[in-house]
Amino acid sequence: MIQRALSGWTFIRAFYLLTGVAVIVQSVMEAQWFGLILGGYFSSMAVFNYGCAAGNCSVNYAEPKKQAVPVEDITYEEIKK
């Protein structure tokens, strides 16, 4: 657990930690206690490396798979009234 908290720091993790601490400090100064929850969430996300700080929110841009069966030309028949 300590190894996970101390290793793998990225810019996003540091940003989350600084933002969370800033929100906590500002919430205490303004007596807005709900901000402690919000700041605590962002800070813990950075320290424990979960959520988007762990890189789980990225989109995988893999090449599209090729079709195994070739698509045949579709023919249509016009129906007249």
Protein backbone atom coordinates (compact mmCIF):
# COMPACT_ATOMS: atom_id res chain seq x y z
CA MET A 1 0.00 0.00 0.00
CA ILE A 2 2.84 2.39 0.84
CA GLN A 3 4.64 1.37 -2.36
CA ARG A 4 1.53 2.19 -4.40
CA ALA A 5 1.21 5.61 -2.75
CA LEU A 6 4.86 6.52 -3.29
CA SER A 7 5.45 5.25 -6.84
CA GLY A 8 4.07 6.06 -10.27
CA TRP A 9 3.44 9.75 -9.77
CA THR A 10 2.32 11.60 -12.90
CA PHE A 11 1.33 15.17 -13.56
CA ILE A 12 -2.35 14.29 -13.20
CA ARG A 13 -1.81 12.66 -9.78
CA ALA A 14 0.10 15.69 -8.54
CA PHE A 15 -2.58 17.99 -9.94
CA TYR A 16 -5.34 16.02 -8.17
CA LEU A 17 -3.41 16.16 -4.90
CA LEU A 18 -2.78 19.91 -5.12
CA THR A 19 -6.38 20.58 -6.14
CA GLY A 20 -7.75 18.42 -3.33
CA VAL A 21 -5.58 20.07 -0.70
CA ALA A 22 -6.50 23.53 -2.01
CA VAL A 23 -10.22 22.66 -1.83
CA ILE A 24 -9.82 21.33 1.73
CA VAL A 25 -7.94 24.42 2.89
CA GLN A 26 -10.43 26.77 1.24
CA SER A 27 -13.38 24.83 2.70
CA VAL A 28 -11.98 25.07 6.22
CA MET A 29 -11.27 28.79 5.84
CA GLU A 30 -14.81 29.47 4.58
CA ALA A 31 -16.53 26.93 6.90
CA GLN A 32 -18.04 25.10 3.93
CA TRP A 33 -17.85 21.58 5.29
CA PHE A 34 -19.15 19.85 2.16
CA GLY A 35 -15.94 20.91 0.45
CA LEU A 36 -14.00 18.63 2.80
CA ILE A 37 -15.67 15.63 1.17
CA LEU A 38 -14.91 16.89 -2.32
CA GLY A 39 -11.31 17.79 -1.49
CA GLY A 40 -10.82 14.53 0.38
CA TYR A 41 -12.05 12.57 -2.63
CA PHE A 42 -9.59 14.26 -5.00
CA SER A 43 -6.72 13.97 -2.54
CA SER A 44 -7.36 10.30 -1.84
CA MET A 45 -7.68 9.63 -5.57
CA ALA A 46 -4.15 10.97 -6.01
CA VAL A 47 -2.58 9.33 -2.96
CA PHE A 48 -4.06 5.86 -3.46
CA ASN A 49 -3.90 5.97 -7.30
CA TYR A 50 -7.45 5.00 -8.20
CA GLY A 51 -10.01 6.50 -10.56
CA CYS A 52 -8.80 8.56 -13.49
CA ALA A 53 -5.46 9.18 -11.78
CA ALA A 54 -4.69 5.48 -12.31
CA GLY A 55 -5.24 5.84 -16.07
CA ASN A 56 -8.50 3.88 -16.17
CA CYS A 57 -10.49 6.65 -17.81
CA SER A 58 -8.62 6.73 -21.09
CA VAL A 59 -10.03 5.52 -24.37
CA ASN A 60 -8.29 2.67 -26.19
CA TYR A 61 -7.62 3.78 -29.75
CA ALA A 62 -6.94 0.34 -31.20
CA GLU A 63 -7.19 -0.29 -34.91
CA PRO A 64 -10.64 -1.49 -35.96
CA LYS A 65 -10.85 -5.21 -36.54
CA LYS A 66 -11.09 -6.41 -40.12
CA GLN A 67 -14.20 -8.33 -41.08
CA ALA A 68 -13.66 -12.06 -41.31
CA VAL A 69 -16.43 -12.55 -43.89
CA PRO A 70 -16.36 -10.33 -46.98
CA VAL A 71 -19.45 -8.22 -47.46
CA GLU A 72 -21.37 -9.08 -50.62
CA ASP A 73 -23.14 -6.52 -52.76
CA ILE A 74 -26.76 -6.12 -51.79
CA THR A 75 -29.30 -6.02 -54.57
CA TYR A 76 -32.65 -4.33 -54.15
CA GLU A 77 -35.85 -4.94 -56.00
CA GLU A 78 -38.10 -1.98 -56.62
CA ILE A 79 -41.76 -2.55 -55.83
CA LYS A 80 -44.24 -0.48 -57.83
CA LYS A 81 -47.84 0.18 -56.89
